[in-house]
Amino acid sequence: MEGTNNDVVLLDFWPSSFGMRLRIALALKGIQYEGREENLFDKSTLLLEMNSVHKKIPVLIHNGKPICESLIILEYIDQVWHDKYPLLPSHPYDRSQARFWADYVDKKIYSTGRRVWSGKGEDQEEAKKEFIEILKTLEGELGDKTYFGGDDNLGFVDVALVPFTSWFYSYETCANFSIEAVCPKLVAWAKRCMQIECVANSLPHPHKIYDYVLELKHKFGLDTN
């Protein structure tokens, strides 16, 4: 029956901000699931079968049916388990705005952030400037609100964005800057989010992410002078 917790599987990879979103949402709604860790350099037959188009994580498998792309999965989770901790607002306009800003996060943060931690010289400086402007835009949208949805509960945009804060230390360390210095309200928001148990338990420690970043830089020869 729709809405039951039966047979929920999440194909994931621990440093993935896109997977972290779903871990947070599932935890907030109290949904029991089986998490399966993927090796992105040796993808499982199940992953290739369940996401045959993009062959990427995360994938949510609910009663044998796959749902792909993290924001789509996030909405699916919110709609199927709608009776507890709604993430999207009920008003159509507010809902459209939440989708807009979550899409903005998707289009901007990951790709620019990757250039920040992996880049060098002028490209890294350019990426850092772009990244700061993206964060300032998001901070402007947050304003003086507790969370992006404007109330006292995490909403769709909060869940979409907060996983990337576990990468902030890596961005700062690799590119030698302070996010808190340029976006103090955004960092304060991130700290508020981390006080919520479901968020804190779903995000890896920033130093663990940084160790992973160093592994990637070494693997792809990005740590050479």
N, C-alpha and C. Protein backbone atom coordinates (compact mmCIF):
# COMPACT_ATOMS: atom_id res chain seq x y z
N MET A 1 0.83 -1.19 0.00
CA MET A 1 0.00 0.00 0.00
C MET A 1 0.87 1.24 0.00
N GLU A 2 0.44 2.28 -0.72
CA GLU A 2 1.23 3.50 -0.83
C GLU A 2 1.36 4.14 0.54
N GLY A 3 2.59 4.63 0.82
CA GLY A 3 2.81 5.32 2.08
C GLY A 3 3.36 4.41 3.17
N THR A 4 3.48 3.11 2.90
CA THR A 4 4.07 2.22 3.89
C THR A 4 5.58 2.31 3.80
N ASN A 5 6.24 1.79 4.82
CA ASN A 5 7.70 1.82 4.86
C ASN A 5 8.31 0.59 4.23
N ASN A 6 7.48 -0.28 3.66
CA ASN A 6 7.97 -1.55 3.15
C ASN A 6 8.98 -1.36 2.04
N ASP A 7 10.11 -2.09 2.17
CA ASP A 7 11.06 -2.20 1.08
C ASP A 7 11.53 -0.84 0.54
N VAL A 8 12.19 -0.09 1.40
CA VAL A 8 12.81 1.17 0.98
C VAL A 8 14.32 0.98 1.03
N VAL A 9 14.96 1.16 -0.11
CA VAL A 9 16.42 1.00 -0.23
C VAL A 9 16.99 2.28 -0.81
N LEU A 10 18.10 2.75 -0.24
CA LEU A 10 18.78 3.94 -0.75
C LEU A 10 20.17 3.54 -1.22
N LEU A 11 20.41 3.69 -2.52
CA LEU A 11 21.75 3.49 -3.08
C LEU A 11 22.48 4.83 -2.95
N ASP A 12 23.61 4.82 -2.26
CA ASP A 12 24.20 6.07 -1.80
C ASP A 12 25.73 5.95 -1.80
N PHE A 13 26.38 7.07 -1.51
CA PHE A 13 27.84 7.11 -1.34
C PHE A 13 28.10 8.15 -0.26
N TRP A 14 28.79 7.80 0.79
CA TRP A 14 28.78 8.60 2.03
C TRP A 14 29.16 10.08 1.85
N PRO A 15 30.12 10.48 0.94
CA PRO A 15 30.43 11.90 0.85
C PRO A 15 29.48 12.70 -0.04
N SER A 16 28.50 12.03 -0.64
CA SER A 16 27.63 12.69 -1.60
C SER A 16 26.62 13.61 -0.91
N SER A 17 26.71 14.90 -1.21
CA SER A 17 25.74 15.85 -0.67
C SER A 17 24.33 15.53 -1.16
N PHE A 18 24.24 14.96 -2.36
CA PHE A 18 22.93 14.61 -2.92
C PHE A 18 22.30 13.45 -2.16
N GLY A 19 23.14 12.51 -1.73
CA GLY A 19 22.65 11.42 -0.90
C GLY A 19 22.30 11.87 0.50
N MET A 20 23.11 12.80 1.04
CA MET A 20 22.86 13.31 2.40
C MET A 20 21.47 13.92 2.51
N ARG A 21 21.02 14.60 1.45
CA ARG A 21 19.68 15.19 1.44
C ARG A 21 18.63 14.15 1.79
N LEU A 22 18.77 13.01 1.18
CA LEU A 22 17.75 11.97 1.32
C LEU A 22 17.85 11.30 2.68
N ARG A 23 19.08 11.17 3.19
CA ARG A 23 19.25 10.63 4.54
C ARG A 23 18.56 11.54 5.56
N ILE A 24 18.70 12.84 5.37
CA ILE A 24 18.05 13.80 6.28
C ILE A 24 16.53 13.67 6.18
N ALA A 25 16.02 13.67 4.96
CA ALA A 25 14.56 13.61 4.76
C ALA A 25 13.97 12.32 5.32
N LEU A 26 14.61 11.21 5.07
CA LEU A 26 14.12 9.93 5.58
C LEU A 26 14.14 9.91 7.10
N ALA A 27 15.18 10.50 7.68
CA ALA A 27 15.28 10.55 9.15
C ALA A 27 14.21 11.46 9.74
N LEU A 28 14.01 12.64 9.11
CA LEU A 28 13.00 13.57 9.61
C LEU A 28 11.62 12.95 9.62
N LYS A 29 11.36 12.12 8.63
CA LYS A 29 10.03 11.51 8.52
C LYS A 29 9.93 10.14 9.21
N GLY A 30 11.05 9.72 9.80
CA GLY A 30 11.03 8.47 10.55
C GLY A 30 10.85 7.24 9.69
N ILE A 31 11.39 7.26 8.48
CA ILE A 31 11.22 6.14 7.55
C ILE A 31 12.40 5.17 7.70
N GLN A 32 12.07 3.92 7.96
CA GLN A 32 13.10 2.89 8.03
C GLN A 32 13.49 2.48 6.61
N TYR A 33 14.79 2.36 6.39
CA TYR A 33 15.25 2.00 5.05
C TYR A 33 16.57 1.26 5.13
N GLU A 34 16.91 0.60 4.05
CA GLU A 34 18.21 -0.07 3.94
C GLU A 34 19.13 0.81 3.11
N GLY A 35 20.22 1.24 3.69
CA GLY A 35 21.21 2.03 2.95
C GLY A 35 22.27 1.12 2.36
N ARG A 36 22.49 1.24 1.07
CA ARG A 36 23.53 0.43 0.40
C ARG A 36 24.60 1.36 -0.15
N GLU A 37 25.81 1.19 0.36
CA GLU A 37 26.93 2.04 -0.05
C GLU A 37 27.47 1.57 -1.40
N GLU A 38 27.59 2.52 -2.33
CA GLU A 38 28.08 2.21 -3.67
C GLU A 38 29.55 2.59 -3.79
N ASN A 39 30.26 1.84 -4.62
CA ASN A 39 31.62 2.21 -5.01
C ASN A 39 31.51 2.84 -6.40
N LEU A 40 31.72 4.14 -6.48
CA LEU A 40 31.48 4.84 -7.75
C LEU A 40 32.52 4.51 -8.81
N PHE A 41 33.61 3.87 -8.40
CA PHE A 41 34.62 3.45 -9.37
C PHE A 41 34.42 1.99 -9.79
N ASP A 42 33.46 1.34 -9.16
CA ASP A 42 33.10 -0.04 -9.51
C ASP A 42 31.63 -0.22 -9.17
N LYS A 43 30.77 0.31 -10.02
CA LYS A 43 29.34 0.42 -9.72
C LYS A 43 28.66 -0.95 -9.73
N SER A 44 27.74 -1.09 -8.79
CA SER A 44 27.06 -2.38 -8.65
C SER A 44 26.10 -2.63 -9.82
N THR A 45 25.81 -3.90 -10.05
CA THR A 45 24.83 -4.27 -11.07
C THR A 45 23.47 -3.65 -10.74
N LEU A 46 23.15 -3.59 -9.45
CA LEU A 46 21.87 -3.03 -9.03
C LEU A 46 21.77 -1.55 -9.41
N LEU A 47 22.84 -0.80 -9.16
CA LEU A 47 22.83 0.63 -9.51
C LEU A 47 22.68 0.81 -11.02
N LEU A 48 23.42 0.04 -11.79
CA LEU A 48 23.36 0.16 -13.25
C LEU A 48 21.98 -0.22 -13.78
N GLU A 49 21.33 -1.12 -13.08
CA GLU A 49 19.99 -1.55 -13.49
C GLU A 49 18.94 -0.50 -13.06
N MET A 50 19.09 0.02 -11.84
CA MET A 50 18.07 0.92 -11.29
C MET A 50 18.18 2.35 -11.86
N ASN A 51 19.38 2.75 -12.29
CA ASN A 51 19.55 4.05 -12.93
C ASN A 51 20.33 3.85 -14.22
N SER A 52 19.68 3.23 -15.16
CA SER A 52 20.35 2.85 -16.42
C SER A 52 20.65 4.06 -17.30
N VAL A 53 19.99 5.19 -17.06
CA VAL A 53 20.21 6.39 -17.88
C VAL A 53 21.48 7.11 -17.45
N HIS A 54 21.53 7.53 -16.16
CA HIS A 54 22.68 8.32 -15.69
C HIS A 54 23.72 7.49 -14.96
N LYS A 55 23.30 6.31 -14.44
CA LYS A 55 24.22 5.42 -13.72
C LYS A 55 24.87 6.12 -12.53
N LYS A 56 24.09 6.97 -11.85
CA LYS A 56 24.61 7.74 -10.72
C LYS A 56 23.78 7.49 -9.47
N ILE A 57 24.43 7.75 -8.31
CA ILE A 57 23.70 7.78 -7.05
C ILE A 57 23.27 9.22 -6.81
N PRO A 58 22.29 9.43 -5.94
CA PRO A 58 21.53 8.44 -5.20
C PRO A 58 20.36 7.90 -6.00
N VAL A 59 19.94 6.72 -5.62
CA VAL A 59 18.71 6.12 -6.17
C VAL A 59 17.89 5.61 -4.98
N LEU A 60 16.62 5.98 -4.95
CA LEU A 60 15.71 5.41 -3.96
C LEU A 60 14.91 4.31 -4.63
N ILE A 61 14.91 3.14 -4.03
CA ILE A 61 14.11 2.04 -4.55
C ILE A 61 12.98 1.79 -3.55
N HIS A 62 11.76 2.05 -3.98
CA HIS A 62 10.59 1.89 -3.10
C HIS A 62 9.70 0.80 -3.67
N ASN A 63 9.57 -0.28 -2.91
CA ASN A 63 8.79 -1.44 -3.37
C ASN A 63 9.22 -1.89 -4.77
N GLY A 64 10.53 -1.92 -4.99
CA GLY A 64 11.09 -2.43 -6.24
C GLY A 64 11.18 -1.44 -7.37
N LYS A 65 10.64 -0.22 -7.17
CA LYS A 65 10.64 0.78 -8.24
C LYS A 65 11.66 1.88 -7.95
N PRO A 66 12.54 2.19 -8.93
CA PRO A 66 13.57 3.19 -8.69
C PRO A 66 13.09 4.62 -8.95
N ILE A 67 13.56 5.53 -8.11
CA ILE A 67 13.38 6.97 -8.33
C ILE A 67 14.77 7.58 -8.33
N CYS A 68 15.07 8.38 -9.35
CA CYS A 68 16.42 8.93 -9.52
C CYS A 68 16.40 10.46 -9.47
N GLU A 69 17.58 11.03 -9.27
CA GLU A 69 17.81 12.48 -9.15
C GLU A 69 17.33 12.98 -7.79
N SER A 70 18.25 13.53 -7.01
CA SER A 70 17.98 13.75 -5.59
C SER A 70 16.81 14.69 -5.30
N LEU A 71 16.64 15.78 -6.07
CA LEU A 71 15.52 16.68 -5.79
C LEU A 71 14.18 16.02 -6.13
N ILE A 72 14.19 15.20 -7.18
CA ILE A 72 12.97 14.45 -7.53
C ILE A 72 12.66 13.43 -6.44
N ILE A 73 13.71 12.77 -5.95
CA ILE A 73 13.52 11.80 -4.86
C ILE A 73 13.02 12.51 -3.60
N LEU A 74 13.59 13.69 -3.33
CA LEU A 74 13.18 14.46 -2.15
C LEU A 74 11.69 14.79 -2.20
N GLU A 75 11.23 15.20 -3.38
CA GLU A 75 9.80 15.49 -3.53
C GLU A 75 8.96 14.21 -3.40
N TYR A 76 9.47 13.13 -3.94
CA TYR A 76 8.76 11.85 -3.85
C TYR A 76 8.59 11.45 -2.39
N ILE A 77 9.67 11.54 -1.64
CA ILE A 77 9.62 11.20 -0.21
C ILE A 77 8.59 12.08 0.50
N ASP A 78 8.61 13.37 0.16
CA ASP A 78 7.70 14.32 0.81
C ASP A 78 6.24 14.02 0.48
N GLN A 79 5.99 13.58 -0.74
CA GLN A 79 4.62 13.31 -1.17
C GLN A 79 4.10 11.96 -0.64
N VAL A 80 4.95 10.95 -0.68
CA VAL A 80 4.50 9.62 -0.26
C VAL A 80 4.31 9.57 1.26
N TRP A 81 5.25 10.16 1.99
CA TRP A 81 5.15 10.19 3.45
C TRP A 81 4.78 11.61 3.89
N HIS A 82 3.65 12.07 3.40
CA HIS A 82 3.24 13.47 3.58
C HIS A 82 2.68 13.77 4.96
N ASP A 83 2.41 12.73 5.74
CA ASP A 83 1.73 12.94 7.02
C ASP A 83 2.69 13.38 8.13
N LYS A 84 3.99 13.33 7.89
CA LYS A 84 4.94 13.71 8.93
C LYS A 84 6.02 14.62 8.36
N TYR A 85 6.25 15.72 9.01
CA TYR A 85 7.30 16.68 8.69
C TYR A 85 7.31 17.07 7.19
N PRO A 86 6.27 17.79 6.75
CA PRO A 86 6.23 18.24 5.34
C PRO A 86 7.39 19.17 5.03
N LEU A 87 8.00 18.97 3.88
CA LEU A 87 9.16 19.78 3.47
C LEU A 87 8.76 20.90 2.51
N LEU A 88 7.86 20.60 1.59
CA LEU A 88 7.41 21.62 0.65
C LEU A 88 6.21 22.37 1.23
N PRO A 89 6.15 23.69 1.03
CA PRO A 89 5.01 24.45 1.53
C PRO A 89 3.71 24.05 0.83
N SER A 90 2.59 24.35 1.47
CA SER A 90 1.30 23.98 0.90
C SER A 90 0.84 24.97 -0.17
N HIS A 91 1.24 26.26 -0.05
CA HIS A 91 0.79 27.26 -1.02
C HIS A 91 1.56 27.13 -2.33
N PRO A 92 0.88 27.15 -3.48
CA PRO A 92 1.55 26.94 -4.77
C PRO A 92 2.69 27.92 -5.03
N TYR A 93 2.51 29.20 -4.66
CA TYR A 93 3.59 30.17 -4.91
C TYR A 93 4.82 29.84 -4.05
N ASP A 94 4.58 29.60 -2.77
CA ASP A 94 5.69 29.27 -1.87
C ASP A 94 6.39 28.00 -2.33
N ARG A 95 5.60 27.06 -2.83
CA ARG A 95 6.17 25.80 -3.33
C ARG A 95 7.05 26.06 -4.55
N SER A 96 6.60 26.95 -5.42
CA SER A 96 7.39 27.29 -6.61
C SER A 96 8.72 27.93 -6.22
N GLN A 97 8.69 28.77 -5.19
CA GLN A 97 9.92 29.44 -4.74
C GLN A 97 10.89 28.44 -4.13
N ALA A 98 10.37 27.50 -3.36
CA ALA A 98 11.23 26.47 -2.77
C ALA A 98 11.90 25.64 -3.87
N ARG A 99 11.13 25.30 -4.90
CA ARG A 99 11.71 24.54 -6.02
C ARG A 99 12.77 25.36 -6.75
N PHE A 100 12.50 26.66 -6.91
CA PHE A 100 13.45 27.54 -7.61
C PHE A 100 14.80 27.55 -6.88
N TRP A 101 14.75 27.76 -5.56
CA TRP A 101 16.01 27.89 -4.82
C TRP A 101 16.74 26.56 -4.68
N ALA A 102 15.99 25.47 -4.57
CA ALA A 102 16.64 24.16 -4.55
C ALA A 102 17.32 23.88 -5.89
N ASP A 103 16.68 24.29 -6.97
CA ASP A 103 17.27 24.14 -8.30
C ASP A 103 18.51 25.03 -8.44
N TYR A 104 18.46 26.22 -7.87
CA TYR A 104 19.62 27.13 -7.88
C TYR A 104 20.81 26.46 -7.18
N VAL A 105 20.55 25.85 -6.03
CA VAL A 105 21.60 25.12 -5.31
C VAL A 105 22.19 24.04 -6.21
N ASP A 106 21.31 23.27 -6.86
CA ASP A 106 21.77 22.18 -7.73
C ASP A 106 22.62 22.67 -8.89
N LYS A 107 22.21 23.77 -9.48
CA LYS A 107 22.91 24.26 -10.68
C LYS A 107 24.23 24.94 -10.35
N LYS A 108 24.38 25.44 -9.12
CA LYS A 108 25.52 26.29 -8.80
C LYS A 108 26.55 25.70 -7.84
N ILE A 109 26.08 25.14 -6.73
CA ILE A 109 27.00 24.83 -5.63
C ILE A 109 27.99 23.72 -5.98
N TYR A 110 27.50 22.58 -6.49
CA TYR A 110 28.37 21.43 -6.68
C TYR A 110 29.48 21.72 -7.69
N SER A 111 29.10 22.22 -8.86
CA SER A 111 30.09 22.41 -9.94
C SER A 111 31.11 23.48 -9.57
N THR A 112 30.65 24.59 -9.00
CA THR A 112 31.58 25.65 -8.62
C THR A 112 32.42 25.23 -7.43
N GLY A 113 31.80 24.55 -6.47
CA GLY A 113 32.55 24.06 -5.31
C GLY A 113 33.64 23.09 -5.71
N ARG A 114 33.35 22.26 -6.70
CA ARG A 114 34.38 21.31 -7.16
C ARG A 114 35.59 22.05 -7.73
N ARG A 115 35.33 23.14 -8.45
CA ARG A 115 36.43 23.94 -9.00
C ARG A 115 37.21 24.63 -7.88
N VAL A 116 36.54 24.92 -6.78
CA VAL A 116 37.22 25.56 -5.65
C VAL A 116 38.22 24.59 -5.02
N TRP A 117 37.80 23.35 -4.75
CA TRP A 117 38.72 22.44 -4.06
C TRP A 117 39.73 21.78 -5.00
N SER A 118 39.39 21.67 -6.29
CA SER A 118 40.29 20.96 -7.21
C SER A 118 41.15 21.88 -8.05
N GLY A 119 40.80 23.16 -8.10
CA GLY A 119 41.49 24.09 -9.00
C GLY A 119 42.81 24.60 -8.47
N LYS A 120 43.49 25.33 -9.33
CA LYS A 120 44.77 25.95 -8.97
C LYS A 120 44.83 27.33 -9.60
N GLY A 121 45.66 28.18 -9.01
CA GLY A 121 45.97 29.47 -9.62
C GLY A 121 44.74 30.32 -9.94
N GLU A 122 44.76 30.86 -11.14
CA GLU A 122 43.70 31.79 -11.55
C GLU A 122 42.33 31.13 -11.60
N ASP A 123 42.30 29.88 -12.05
CA ASP A 123 41.00 29.19 -12.14
C ASP A 123 40.39 29.02 -10.75
N GLN A 124 41.23 28.68 -9.78
CA GLN A 124 40.73 28.52 -8.42
C GLN A 124 40.25 29.86 -7.85
N GLU A 125 41.00 30.93 -8.11
CA GLU A 125 40.60 32.26 -7.63
C GLU A 125 39.28 32.69 -8.25
N GLU A 126 39.13 32.41 -9.54
CA GLU A 126 37.88 32.76 -10.23
C GLU A 126 36.72 31.94 -9.65
N ALA A 127 36.96 30.65 -9.42
CA ALA A 127 35.93 29.79 -8.86
C ALA A 127 35.56 30.25 -7.45
N LYS A 128 36.57 30.66 -6.68
CA LYS A 128 36.31 31.12 -5.31
C LYS A 128 35.42 32.36 -5.31
N LYS A 129 35.70 33.29 -6.21
CA LYS A 129 34.87 34.50 -6.32
C LYS A 129 33.44 34.15 -6.71
N GLU A 130 33.30 33.25 -7.68
CA GLU A 130 31.97 32.80 -8.10
C GLU A 130 31.23 32.13 -6.95
N PHE A 131 31.95 31.30 -6.22
CA PHE A 131 31.35 30.55 -5.12
C PHE A 131 30.86 31.50 -4.03
N ILE A 132 31.66 32.49 -3.71
CA ILE A 132 31.27 33.47 -2.69
C ILE A 132 30.02 34.23 -3.13
N GLU A 133 29.94 34.58 -4.40
CA GLU A 133 28.76 35.29 -4.91
C GLU A 133 27.51 34.41 -4.82
N ILE A 134 27.67 33.12 -5.10
CA ILE A 134 26.55 32.18 -4.99
C ILE A 134 26.06 32.12 -3.54
N LEU A 135 27.03 32.01 -2.61
CA LEU A 135 26.66 31.95 -1.20
C LEU A 135 26.00 33.24 -0.73
N LYS A 136 26.50 34.37 -1.23
CA LYS A 136 25.90 35.66 -0.86
C LYS A 136 24.47 35.77 -1.39
N THR A 137 24.23 35.24 -2.58
CA THR A 137 22.87 35.23 -3.13
C THR A 137 21.95 34.40 -2.25
N LEU A 138 22.44 33.24 -1.82
CA LEU A 138 21.64 32.38 -0.94
C LEU A 138 21.42 33.04 0.42
N GLU A 139 22.45 33.71 0.92
CA GLU A 139 22.31 34.41 2.20
C GLU A 139 21.30 35.54 2.09
N GLY A 140 21.27 36.20 0.94
CA GLY A 140 20.28 37.25 0.71
C GLY A 140 18.87 36.70 0.74
N GLU A 141 18.67 35.51 0.18
CA GLU A 141 17.35 34.88 0.20
C GLU A 141 16.99 34.45 1.62
N LEU A 142 17.95 33.97 2.37
CA LEU A 142 17.70 33.57 3.76
C LEU A 142 17.30 34.77 4.60
N GLY A 143 18.03 35.88 4.41
CA GLY A 143 17.72 37.09 5.17
C GLY A 143 17.81 36.85 6.67
N ASP A 144 16.81 37.31 7.40
CA ASP A 144 16.79 37.15 8.85
C ASP A 144 15.91 35.98 9.30
N LYS A 145 15.53 35.14 8.35
CA LYS A 145 14.69 33.99 8.68
C LYS A 145 15.50 32.92 9.42
N THR A 146 14.82 32.12 10.22
CA THR A 146 15.49 31.02 10.91
C THR A 146 15.93 29.96 9.92
N TYR A 147 15.01 29.60 9.03
CA TYR A 147 15.29 28.65 7.95
C TYR A 147 14.77 29.23 6.65
N PHE A 148 15.14 28.64 5.53
CA PHE A 148 14.76 29.19 4.23
C PHE A 148 13.25 29.22 4.02
N GLY A 149 12.55 28.24 4.61
CA GLY A 149 11.10 28.22 4.47
C GLY A 149 10.40 29.31 5.26
N GLY A 150 11.13 29.95 6.18
CA GLY A 150 10.58 31.07 6.92
C GLY A 150 9.96 30.71 8.24
N ASP A 151 9.83 29.40 8.55
CA ASP A 151 9.25 29.03 9.83
C ASP A 151 10.30 28.34 10.70
N ASP A 152 9.86 27.65 11.72
CA ASP A 152 10.79 27.06 12.67
C ASP A 152 11.15 25.62 12.36
N ASN A 153 10.75 25.15 11.19
CA ASN A 153 11.10 23.80 10.76
C ASN A 153 11.93 23.83 9.49
N LEU A 154 12.77 22.83 9.34
CA LEU A 154 13.52 22.69 8.09
C LEU A 154 12.54 22.52 6.93
N GLY A 155 12.87 23.13 5.80
CA GLY A 155 12.06 22.98 4.60
C GLY A 155 12.87 22.38 3.46
N PHE A 156 12.28 22.39 2.30
CA PHE A 156 12.85 21.77 1.11
C PHE A 156 14.23 22.35 0.78
N VAL A 157 14.36 23.68 0.83
CA VAL A 157 15.63 24.33 0.47
C VAL A 157 16.69 24.04 1.52
N ASP A 158 16.30 24.05 2.78
CA ASP A 158 17.26 23.74 3.85
C ASP A 158 17.86 22.35 3.66
N VAL A 159 16.99 21.38 3.39
CA VAL A 159 17.44 20.00 3.22
C VAL A 159 18.29 19.86 1.96
N ALA A 160 17.97 20.64 0.93
CA ALA A 160 18.75 20.60 -0.32
C ALA A 160 20.15 21.19 -0.14
N LEU A 161 20.24 22.24 0.68
CA LEU A 161 21.51 22.99 0.80
C LEU A 161 22.42 22.52 1.91
N VAL A 162 21.86 22.16 3.06
CA VAL A 162 22.70 21.94 4.24
C VAL A 162 23.77 20.85 4.05
N PRO A 163 23.56 19.81 3.24
CA PRO A 163 24.65 18.84 3.08
C PRO A 163 25.95 19.44 2.56
N PHE A 164 25.85 20.48 1.76
CA PHE A 164 27.07 21.09 1.21
C PHE A 164 27.90 21.78 2.29
N THR A 165 27.27 22.09 3.43
CA THR A 165 28.04 22.74 4.50
C THR A 165 29.09 21.79 5.08
N SER A 166 28.90 20.49 4.92
CA SER A 166 29.92 19.54 5.38
C SER A 166 31.18 19.62 4.51
N TRP A 167 31.04 20.26 3.34
CA TRP A 167 32.19 20.46 2.44
C TRP A 167 32.84 21.84 2.64
N PHE A 168 32.23 22.71 3.45
CA PHE A 168 32.74 24.08 3.60
C PHE A 168 34.20 24.08 4.05
N TYR A 169 34.54 23.22 5.01
CA TYR A 169 35.91 23.18 5.52
C TYR A 169 36.90 22.86 4.38
N SER A 170 36.52 21.94 3.51
CA SER A 170 37.39 21.57 2.38
C SER A 170 37.56 22.72 1.40
N TYR A 171 36.44 23.42 1.09
CA TYR A 171 36.53 24.57 0.20
C TYR A 171 37.47 25.62 0.79
N GLU A 172 37.27 25.90 2.07
CA GLU A 172 38.05 26.95 2.74
C GLU A 172 39.53 26.59 2.81
N THR A 173 39.81 25.34 3.17
CA THR A 173 41.19 24.91 3.35
C THR A 173 41.93 24.86 2.00
N CYS A 174 41.27 24.36 0.98
CA CYS A 174 41.91 24.23 -0.33
C CYS A 174 42.12 25.58 -1.01
N ALA A 175 41.22 26.53 -0.74
CA ALA A 175 41.29 27.82 -1.44
C ALA A 175 41.62 29.00 -0.52
N ASN A 176 41.90 28.70 0.74
CA ASN A 176 42.39 29.70 1.69
C ASN A 176 41.46 30.91 1.83
N PHE A 177 40.25 30.65 2.32
CA PHE A 177 39.32 31.74 2.61
C PHE A 177 38.36 31.29 3.71
N SER A 178 37.60 32.23 4.24
CA SER A 178 36.65 31.95 5.31
C SER A 178 35.24 32.26 4.84
N ILE A 179 34.38 31.24 4.83
CA ILE A 179 32.99 31.46 4.44
C ILE A 179 32.27 32.29 5.50
N GLU A 180 32.59 32.05 6.76
CA GLU A 180 31.93 32.81 7.83
C GLU A 180 32.24 34.30 7.74
N ALA A 181 33.43 34.63 7.27
CA ALA A 181 33.82 36.05 7.15
C ALA A 181 32.97 36.77 6.10
N VAL A 182 32.57 36.06 5.06
CA VAL A 182 31.81 36.72 3.98
C VAL A 182 30.30 36.47 4.07
N CYS A 183 29.92 35.36 4.72
CA CYS A 183 28.49 35.02 4.83
C CYS A 183 28.16 34.55 6.24
N PRO A 184 28.25 35.45 7.22
CA PRO A 184 28.03 35.03 8.61
C PRO A 184 26.62 34.51 8.89
N LYS A 185 25.60 35.07 8.23
CA LYS A 185 24.23 34.61 8.47
C LYS A 185 24.02 33.20 7.93
N LEU A 186 24.68 32.89 6.81
CA LEU A 186 24.55 31.55 6.23
C LEU A 186 25.22 30.52 7.14
N VAL A 187 26.37 30.89 7.69
CA VAL A 187 27.08 29.97 8.59
C VAL A 187 26.28 29.78 9.89
N ALA A 188 25.66 30.86 10.36
CA ALA A 188 24.81 30.75 11.56
C ALA A 188 23.63 29.82 11.29
N TRP A 189 23.06 29.93 10.09
CA TRP A 189 21.98 29.02 9.68
C TRP A 189 22.46 27.58 9.68
N ALA A 190 23.65 27.34 9.12
CA ALA A 190 24.20 25.98 9.07
C ALA A 190 24.38 25.42 10.48
N LYS A 191 24.82 26.25 11.40
CA LYS A 191 25.01 25.79 12.78
C LYS A 191 23.65 25.46 13.43
N ARG A 192 22.62 26.24 13.12
CA ARG A 192 21.28 25.93 13.63
C ARG A 192 20.80 24.58 13.10
N CYS A 193 21.04 24.36 11.81
CA CYS A 193 20.63 23.09 11.21
C CYS A 193 21.33 21.91 11.89
N MET A 194 22.62 22.10 12.20
CA MET A 194 23.40 21.01 12.80
C MET A 194 22.98 20.70 14.23
N GLN A 195 22.18 21.57 14.83
CA GLN A 195 21.66 21.29 16.18
C GLN A 195 20.48 20.32 16.12
N ILE A 196 19.98 20.09 14.91
CA ILE A 196 18.89 19.13 14.72
C ILE A 196 19.49 17.74 14.55
N GLU A 197 19.08 16.82 15.38
CA GLU A 197 19.71 15.50 15.44
C GLU A 197 19.70 14.79 14.08
N CYS A 198 18.58 14.86 13.37
CA CYS A 198 18.48 14.18 12.08
C CYS A 198 19.50 14.71 11.06
N VAL A 199 19.82 15.99 11.17
CA VAL A 199 20.82 16.58 10.28
C VAL A 199 22.22 16.17 10.72
N ALA A 200 22.51 16.36 12.01
CA ALA A 200 23.85 16.04 12.53
C ALA A 200 24.22 14.58 12.27
N ASN A 201 23.25 13.69 12.41
CA ASN A 201 23.53 12.26 12.23
C ASN A 201 23.64 11.85 10.76
N SER A 202 23.19 12.71 9.86
CA SER A 202 23.17 12.36 8.43
C SER A 202 24.37 12.91 7.67
N LEU A 203 25.11 13.83 8.30
CA LEU A 203 26.24 14.47 7.63
C LEU A 203 27.56 13.97 8.21
N PRO A 204 28.52 13.63 7.36
CA PRO A 204 29.84 13.22 7.86
C PRO A 204 30.60 14.41 8.42
N HIS A 205 31.57 14.15 9.26
CA HIS A 205 32.39 15.22 9.83
C HIS A 205 33.16 15.93 8.71
N PRO A 206 33.24 17.27 8.75
CA PRO A 206 33.97 18.01 7.70
C PRO A 206 35.41 17.54 7.49
N HIS A 207 36.08 17.09 8.55
CA HIS A 207 37.46 16.62 8.40
C HIS A 207 37.52 15.30 7.63
N LYS A 208 36.47 14.50 7.78
CA LYS A 208 36.40 13.24 7.01
C LYS A 208 36.21 13.56 5.52
N ILE A 209 35.37 14.56 5.25
CA ILE A 209 35.21 15.01 3.85
C ILE A 209 36.53 15.51 3.31
N TYR A 210 37.27 16.27 4.11
CA TYR A 210 38.55 16.82 3.66
C TYR A 210 39.55 15.70 3.35
N ASP A 211 39.58 14.67 4.18
CA ASP A 211 40.46 13.52 3.91
C ASP A 211 40.10 12.88 2.57
N TYR A 212 38.79 12.80 2.29
CA TYR A 212 38.33 12.25 1.01
C TYR A 212 38.77 13.14 -0.15
N VAL A 213 38.66 14.45 0.04
CA VAL A 213 39.10 15.40 -0.99
C VAL A 213 40.59 15.22 -1.28
N LEU A 214 41.39 15.05 -0.24
CA LEU A 214 42.83 14.84 -0.44
C LEU A 214 43.08 13.55 -1.21
N GLU A 215 42.30 12.51 -0.92
CA GLU A 215 42.42 11.24 -1.68
C GLU A 215 42.11 11.47 -3.16
N LEU A 216 41.05 12.22 -3.43
CA LEU A 216 40.68 12.50 -4.82
C LEU A 216 41.76 13.31 -5.53
N LYS A 217 42.27 14.31 -4.85
CA LYS A 217 43.32 15.15 -5.46
C LYS A 217 44.54 14.31 -5.80
N HIS A 218 44.87 13.38 -4.91
CA HIS A 218 46.02 12.50 -5.16
C HIS A 218 45.70 11.53 -6.30
N LYS A 219 44.50 10.98 -6.28
CA LYS A 219 44.11 9.98 -7.28
C LYS A 219 44.16 10.56 -8.70
N PHE A 220 43.72 11.84 -8.81
CA PHE A 220 43.64 12.47 -10.14
C PHE A 220 44.80 13.43 -10.41
N GLY A 221 45.84 13.35 -9.57
CA GLY A 221 47.04 14.14 -9.81
C GLY A 221 46.83 15.62 -9.63
N LEU A 222 45.91 16.01 -8.74
CA LEU A 222 45.62 17.43 -8.52
C LEU A 222 46.43 18.01 -7.38
N ASP A 223 47.22 17.17 -6.69
CA ASP A 223 47.96 17.64 -5.54
C ASP A 223 49.42 17.94 -5.88
N THR A 224 49.75 17.91 -7.16
CA THR A 224 51.12 18.21 -7.57
C THR A 224 51.28 19.69 -7.85
N ASN A 225 52.49 20.21 -7.68
CA ASN A 225 52.74 21.64 -7.91
C ASN A 225 52.91 21.92 -9.40
